[in-house]
């Protein structure tokens, strides 16, 4: 995935956490289809399902050209030695196709749990990630060297993390953000850093039902992810927006309704300075991968709408 790669095709990708709940066979089949649909990259989350390294290997081995990106690999789950050696292995086996996104909701000094499992408390986010990157870079290499070295991005929302992402890595992967944040992130990071924006979408002709799905998504993050609440407050959303959540906030975070609503939102992010927008489909049955929606989005958005600049990533 390069910024000056293969034109507009790389500007739109997919983001999903759905693979964690499905066996390897259907995941391989879905990844192969995503590649054929022409998406620029496939981003995947990490919770307590399939380990991020195993998931990346599964997706990369099922495809030939598709860029696969962790969105994100949680630093609370593995030390820098394990992450550095795994990244080198993936980079050597699949040259130019693996992007390591690093971060984690637990990169602060507040003890937290995930599904009741205690996660280690850490220092503040920017200092923690800076130290983690330095430790990765210091790990000796005793195996084949990847060429090119895999790209790294940071999960970043606030100014300190965005500046760190621009200074120490390829760029930033932002999540649960409105277009206003994309414009602010581009201003903070400058013109050269890569910016990949996650965009939640609901495809549903029933507008009321689509809104309820979007509202539930926003509500869940505001209740369980304090860093996301802090971020929207930095953007000017107040108590009434957060407590509701308000229609204004839901509409800003989730593109819901028909394909035209998604297309408009993608165009807005690109015009605001994003290099790449990765779409997360909401509202589907978790027992079924949203392959129909992925096809519909690809038909409308791959290649993506034209936009200013030439910072497109490509598979």
Protein backbone atom coordinates (compact mmCIF):
# COMPACT_ATOMS: atom_id res chain seq x y z
CA UNK A 1 0.00 0.00 0.00
CA UNK A 2 1.73 3.18 -1.18
CA UNK A 3 0.58 6.78 -1.28
CA UNK A 4 1.55 7.27 -4.91
CA UNK A 5 0.46 3.85 -6.10
CA UNK A 6 -2.33 2.79 -8.39
CA UNK A 7 -4.73 5.73 -8.56
CA UNK A 8 -8.25 5.94 -7.20
CA UNK A 9 -8.80 2.22 -6.74
CA UNK A 10 -6.88 2.27 -3.46
CA UNK A 11 -8.91 5.02 -1.84
CA UNK A 12 -11.69 2.75 -0.54
CA UNK A 13 -11.22 -0.34 1.61
CA UNK A 14 -13.15 -2.42 4.10
CA UNK A 15 -12.91 -2.57 7.88
CA UNK A 16 -14.38 -5.53 9.75
CA UNK A 17 -14.32 -7.31 13.07
CA UNK A 18 -16.65 -10.01 11.72
CA UNK A 19 -13.92 -12.49 10.79
CA UNK A 20 -13.15 -13.30 14.43
CA UNK A 21 -16.42 -15.21 14.80
CA UNK A 22 -16.11 -17.33 11.65
CA UNK A 23 -14.10 -20.44 10.77
CA UNK A 24 -11.03 -20.12 8.58
CA UNK A 25 -12.67 -21.55 5.43
CA UNK A 26 -15.39 -18.91 5.02
CA UNK A 27 -12.90 -16.19 5.95
CA UNK A 28 -10.57 -17.29 3.15
CA UNK A 29 -13.45 -17.31 0.66
CA UNK A 30 -14.59 -13.85 1.71
CA UNK A 31 -11.08 -12.41 1.50
CA UNK A 32 -10.62 -13.77 -2.02
CA UNK A 33 -13.90 -12.17 -3.09
CA UNK A 34 -12.96 -8.84 -1.48
CA UNK A 35 -9.78 -8.86 -3.52
CA UNK A 36 -11.70 -9.53 -6.72
CA UNK A 37 -14.12 -6.72 -5.92
CA UNK A 38 -11.19 -4.35 -6.16
CA UNK A 39 -10.98 -2.86 -2.68
CA UNK A 40 -7.74 -1.09 -1.89
CA UNK A 41 -7.20 -2.77 1.47
CA UNK A 42 -8.83 -5.00 4.05
CA UNK A 43 -8.60 -3.82 7.68
CA UNK A 44 -9.51 -6.08 10.59
CA UNK A 45 -9.94 -5.55 14.30
CA UNK A 46 -8.63 -7.57 17.21
CA UNK A 47 -10.44 -8.48 20.41
CA UNK A 48 -10.32 -11.94 21.97
CA UNK A 49 -11.07 -13.84 18.79
CA UNK A 50 -8.40 -14.76 16.28
CA UNK A 51 -4.97 -13.37 17.11
CA UNK A 52 -3.98 -10.46 14.86
CA UNK A 53 -0.90 -12.21 13.49
CA UNK A 54 -2.79 -15.40 12.67
CA UNK A 55 -5.62 -13.38 11.16
CA UNK A 56 -3.23 -11.45 8.95
CA UNK A 57 -1.56 -14.65 7.75
CA UNK A 58 -4.94 -16.23 7.00
CA UNK A 59 -6.09 -13.24 4.92
CA UNK A 60 -2.79 -12.74 3.14
CA UNK A 61 -2.48 -16.41 2.22
CA UNK A 62 -6.00 -16.39 0.79
CA UNK A 63 -5.24 -13.49 -1.57
CA UNK A 64 -2.59 -12.50 -4.09
CA UNK A 65 -2.60 -8.71 -4.33
CA UNK A 66 -4.82 -7.36 -1.57
CA UNK A 67 -3.25 -5.18 1.12
CA UNK A 68 -4.14 -6.49 4.58
CA UNK A 69 -3.96 -4.12 7.53
CA UNK A 70 -4.41 -4.64 11.26
CA UNK A 71 -6.83 -2.07 12.56
CA UNK A 72 -5.50 -2.40 15.16
CA UNK A 73 -3.05 -4.85 16.74
CA UNK A 74 -3.48 -4.25 20.46
CA UNK A 75 -0.18 -3.59 22.20
CA UNK A 76 -1.65 -4.86 25.48
CA UNK A 77 -1.78 -8.36 23.99
CA UNK A 78 1.90 -8.87 23.08
CA UNK A 79 5.30 -7.44 23.85
CA UNK A 80 7.42 -5.55 21.28
CA UNK A 81 9.68 -8.56 20.60
CA UNK A 82 6.74 -10.72 19.54
CA UNK A 83 5.24 -7.93 17.47
CA UNK A 84 8.52 -7.05 15.75
CA UNK A 85 9.39 -10.62 14.76
CA UNK A 86 5.85 -11.38 13.60
CA UNK A 87 5.75 -8.21 11.50
CA UNK A 88 9.05 -9.09 9.86
CA UNK A 89 7.80 -12.58 9.09
CA UNK A 90 4.59 -11.31 7.48
CA UNK A 91 6.49 -8.66 5.55
CA UNK A 92 9.00 -11.17 4.18
CA UNK A 93 6.36 -13.73 3.24
CA UNK A 94 3.99 -11.22 1.62
CA UNK A 95 6.13 -8.33 0.34
CA UNK A 96 4.42 -4.95 0.31
CA UNK A 97 1.03 -6.32 1.34
CA UNK A 98 0.96 -6.07 5.14
CA UNK A 99 0.34 -2.87 7.10
CA UNK A 100 0.72 -2.98 10.88
CA UNK A 101 -1.71 -0.75 12.73
CA UNK A 102 -0.80 -0.39 16.40
CA UNK A 103 -2.73 0.95 19.34
CA UNK A 104 -5.25 -0.18 21.92
CA UNK A 105 -8.00 1.21 24.10
CA UNK A 106 -5.96 0.45 27.19
CA UNK A 107 -3.05 2.79 26.48
CA UNK A 108 -3.68 4.99 29.50
CA UNK A 109 -3.17 4.78 33.24
CA UNK A 110 -6.70 3.61 34.08
CA UNK A 111 -7.15 -0.11 34.85
CA UNK A 112 -9.66 -1.68 32.44
CA UNK A 113 -11.14 -5.04 31.60
CA UNK A 114 -12.26 -6.68 28.37
CA UNK A 115 -15.16 -9.10 28.84
CA UNK A 116 -14.16 -9.23 32.49
CA UNK A 117 -10.51 -9.99 31.74
CA UNK A 118 -8.14 -7.47 33.39
CA UNK A 119 -5.80 -5.73 31.00
CA UNK A 120 -2.53 -4.19 32.20
CA UNK A 121 -2.57 -0.51 33.05
CA UNK A 122 -0.07 1.50 31.07
CA UNK A 123 1.25 5.04 30.90
CA UNK A 124 -0.25 7.76 28.73
CA UNK A 125 -0.92 6.84 25.13
CA UNK A 126 1.70 8.86 23.26
CA UNK A 127 4.54 7.96 25.64
CA UNK A 128 3.50 4.30 25.64
CA UNK A 129 3.36 4.03 21.85
CA UNK A 130 6.62 5.91 21.39
CA UNK A 131 8.38 3.50 23.73
CA UNK A 132 6.73 0.48 22.10
CA UNK A 133 7.89 1.56 18.64
CA UNK A 134 11.43 2.15 19.90
CA UNK A 135 11.48 -1.29 21.49
CA UNK A 136 10.27 -2.91 18.27
CA UNK A 137 12.99 -1.15 16.31
CA UNK A 138 15.65 -2.37 18.75
CA UNK A 139 14.77 -6.07 18.42
CA UNK A 140 17.67 -7.91 16.70
CA UNK A 141 16.92 -9.54 13.36
CA UNK A 142 18.11 -13.10 12.84
CA UNK A 143 15.86 -14.09 9.96
CA UNK A 144 15.25 -12.97 6.38
CA UNK A 145 14.74 -9.23 6.06
CA UNK A 146 11.45 -8.11 4.49
CA UNK A 147 11.83 -5.95 1.40
CA UNK A 148 10.16 -3.52 1.59
CA UNK A 149 9.80 -3.23 5.34
CA UNK A 150 6.11 -3.36 6.36
CA UNK A 151 4.43 0.00 6.85
CA UNK A 152 3.27 0.97 10.33
CA UNK A 153 0.43 3.28 11.36
CA UNK A 154 -0.93 4.27 14.75
CA UNK A 155 -4.50 4.33 15.99
CA UNK A 156 -4.70 8.06 16.69
CA UNK A 157 -7.38 10.55 17.65
CA UNK A 158 -5.96 13.38 19.76
CA UNK A 159 -3.32 15.90 18.67
CA UNK A 160 -0.42 14.21 20.49
CA UNK A 161 -1.10 10.82 18.96
CA UNK A 162 -1.66 12.30 15.50
CA UNK A 163 1.66 14.13 15.68
CA UNK A 164 3.40 10.97 16.91
CA UNK A 165 1.89 8.98 14.04
CA UNK A 166 3.18 11.52 11.52
CA UNK A 167 6.62 11.73 13.09
CA UNK A 168 7.36 8.08 13.88
CA UNK A 169 5.28 6.00 11.46
CA UNK A 170 3.70 6.10 8.01
CA UNK A 171 0.64 7.82 9.44
CA UNK A 172 -2.62 7.33 11.31
CA UNK A 173 -5.65 5.06 11.33
CA UNK A 174 -8.63 6.91 12.80
CA UNK A 175 -11.84 5.26 14.01
CA UNK A 176 -15.31 6.53 15.00
CA UNK A 177 -14.67 10.00 13.62
CA UNK A 178 -16.70 12.61 11.72
CA UNK A 179 -15.43 14.47 8.69
CA UNK A 180 -14.44 17.39 10.91
CA UNK A 181 -11.89 15.18 12.62
CA UNK A 182 -10.40 14.14 9.29
CA UNK A 183 -9.81 17.78 8.37
CA UNK A 184 -8.25 18.46 11.77
CA UNK A 185 -6.08 15.34 11.56
CA UNK A 186 -4.74 16.37 8.17
CA UNK A 187 -3.90 19.82 9.49
CA UNK A 188 -2.09 18.39 12.52
CA UNK A 189 -0.15 15.70 10.62
CA UNK A 190 0.78 17.82 7.63
CA UNK A 191 0.56 16.96 3.94
CA UNK A 192 2.86 13.94 3.81
CA UNK A 193 1.54 11.51 6.45
CA UNK A 194 -0.85 8.77 5.43
CA UNK A 195 -4.39 8.98 6.84
CA UNK A 196 -6.78 6.01 6.77
CA UNK A 197 -10.25 6.76 8.16
CA UNK A 198 -12.74 4.12 9.31
CA UNK A 199 -16.33 4.95 8.35
CA UNK A 200 -19.27 3.03 9.80
CA UNK A 201 -22.16 2.52 7.36
CA UNK A 202 -25.67 1.12 7.49
CA UNK A 203 -27.26 0.05 4.21
CA UNK A 204 -31.01 -0.15 4.80
CA UNK A 205 -33.88 1.28 2.75
CA UNK A 206 -35.92 1.57 5.94
CA UNK A 207 -34.61 4.93 7.17
CA UNK A 208 -35.94 4.60 10.70
CA UNK A 209 -34.42 1.17 11.12
CA UNK A 210 -31.14 2.36 9.62
CA UNK A 211 -31.01 5.22 12.10
CA UNK A 212 -31.73 2.93 15.05
CA UNK A 213 -28.84 0.69 14.01
CA UNK A 214 -26.55 3.69 13.71
CA UNK A 215 -27.71 5.06 17.06
CA UNK A 216 -27.02 1.74 18.81
CA UNK A 217 -23.47 1.70 17.43
CA UNK A 218 -22.74 5.23 18.63
CA UNK A 219 -24.32 4.60 22.02
CA UNK A 220 -22.21 1.49 22.62
CA UNK A 221 -18.94 3.31 21.95
CA UNK A 222 -19.84 6.31 24.08
CA UNK A 223 -20.68 4.01 27.00
CA UNK A 224 -17.67 1.73 26.80
CA UNK A 225 -14.89 3.74 25.13
CA UNK A 226 -14.09 6.93 27.09
CA UNK A 227 -11.39 7.93 24.64
CA UNK A 228 -14.04 8.11 21.92
CA UNK A 229 -16.24 10.33 24.07
CA UNK A 230 -13.27 12.58 24.79
CA UNK A 231 -12.56 12.84 21.08
CA UNK A 232 -16.06 13.92 20.06
CA UNK A 233 -16.08 16.45 22.88
CA UNK A 234 -12.84 17.93 21.50
CA UNK A 235 -14.75 18.42 18.26
CA UNK A 236 -17.45 20.50 19.93
CA UNK A 237 -20.09 17.91 20.80
CA UNK A 238 -21.52 18.64 24.25
CA UNK A 239 -23.34 16.88 27.06
CA UNK A 240 -26.65 16.70 25.20
CA UNK A 241 -24.96 15.17 22.15
CA UNK A 242 -23.13 12.56 24.20
CA UNK A 243 -25.95 11.64 26.59
CA UNK A 244 -28.52 11.09 23.84
CA UNK A 245 -26.72 10.49 21.65
CA UNK A 246 -28.03 13.35 19.56
CA UNK A 247 -29.12 13.00 15.97
CA UNK A 248 -26.32 15.38 15.04
CA UNK A 249 -23.68 13.10 16.54
CA UNK A 250 -25.15 9.88 15.15
CA UNK A 251 -25.35 11.37 11.66
CA UNK A 252 -21.76 12.61 11.93
CA UNK A 253 -20.36 9.21 12.93
CA UNK A 254 -22.41 6.80 10.80
CA UNK A 255 -23.42 7.08 7.14
CA UNK A 256 -26.82 5.41 7.06
CA UNK A 257 -29.51 4.81 4.47
CA UNK A 258 -28.75 4.14 0.82
CA UNK A 259 -25.55 3.95 -1.19
CA UNK A 260 -25.68 7.63 -2.08
CA UNK A 261 -25.32 8.54 1.61
CA UNK A 262 -22.19 6.41 1.85
CA UNK A 263 -20.78 7.81 -1.37
CA UNK A 264 -21.25 11.36 -0.12
CA UNK A 265 -19.51 10.59 3.15
CA UNK A 266 -16.55 8.93 1.44
CA UNK A 267 -16.17 11.93 -0.83
CA UNK A 268 -16.32 14.29 2.16
CA UNK A 269 -13.53 12.42 3.98
CA UNK A 270 -11.34 12.40 0.88
CA UNK A 271 -11.94 16.09 0.29
CA UNK A 272 -11.08 16.76 3.95
CA UNK A 273 -7.67 15.12 3.54
CA UNK A 274 -8.09 11.37 3.97
CA UNK A 275 -5.97 9.15 1.76
CA UNK A 276 -8.09 6.08 2.29
CA UNK A 277 -11.55 5.37 3.75
CA UNK A 278 -12.27 1.89 5.10
CA UNK A 279 -15.96 1.06 5.38
CA UNK A 280 -17.40 -0.92 8.28
CA UNK A 281 -20.84 -2.44 7.63
CA UNK A 282 -23.17 -2.32 10.64
CA UNK A 283 -26.45 -4.06 11.31
CA UNK A 284 -25.79 -7.44 9.77
CA UNK A 285 -26.39 -10.80 11.41
CA UNK A 286 -23.08 -11.63 13.15
CA UNK A 287 -23.52 -15.26 12.11
CA UNK A 288 -23.35 -14.18 8.43
CA UNK A 289 -20.51 -12.22 6.87
CA UNK A 290 -21.89 -9.07 5.16
CA UNK A 291 -20.76 -10.14 1.71
CA UNK A 292 -23.87 -8.78 -0.02
CA UNK A 293 -23.25 -5.32 1.42
CA UNK A 294 -19.55 -5.52 0.50
CA UNK A 295 -20.55 -6.24 -3.09
CA UNK A 296 -23.02 -3.35 -3.17
CA UNK A 297 -20.47 -0.93 -1.78
CA UNK A 298 -17.83 -2.07 -4.25
CA UNK A 299 -20.20 -1.57 -7.18
CA UNK A 300 -20.82 2.02 -6.09
CA UNK A 301 -17.44 3.07 -4.73
CA UNK A 302 -14.61 1.09 -6.34
CA UNK A 303 -12.94 2.98 -7.96
CA UNK A 304 -13.75 5.63 -5.37
CA UNK A 305 -15.21 9.07 -6.16
CA UNK A 306 -12.65 11.57 -7.48
CA UNK A 307 -11.07 13.88 -4.97
CA UNK A 308 -8.29 16.38 -4.62
CA UNK A 309 -4.69 15.29 -4.22
CA UNK A 310 -2.88 12.11 -5.10
CA UNK A 311 -2.30 10.32 -1.84
CA UNK A 312 -4.14 7.14 -2.76
CA UNK A 313 -3.01 3.84 -1.25
CA UNK A 314 -3.23 0.87 -3.51
CA UNK A 315 -3.33 -2.87 -3.33
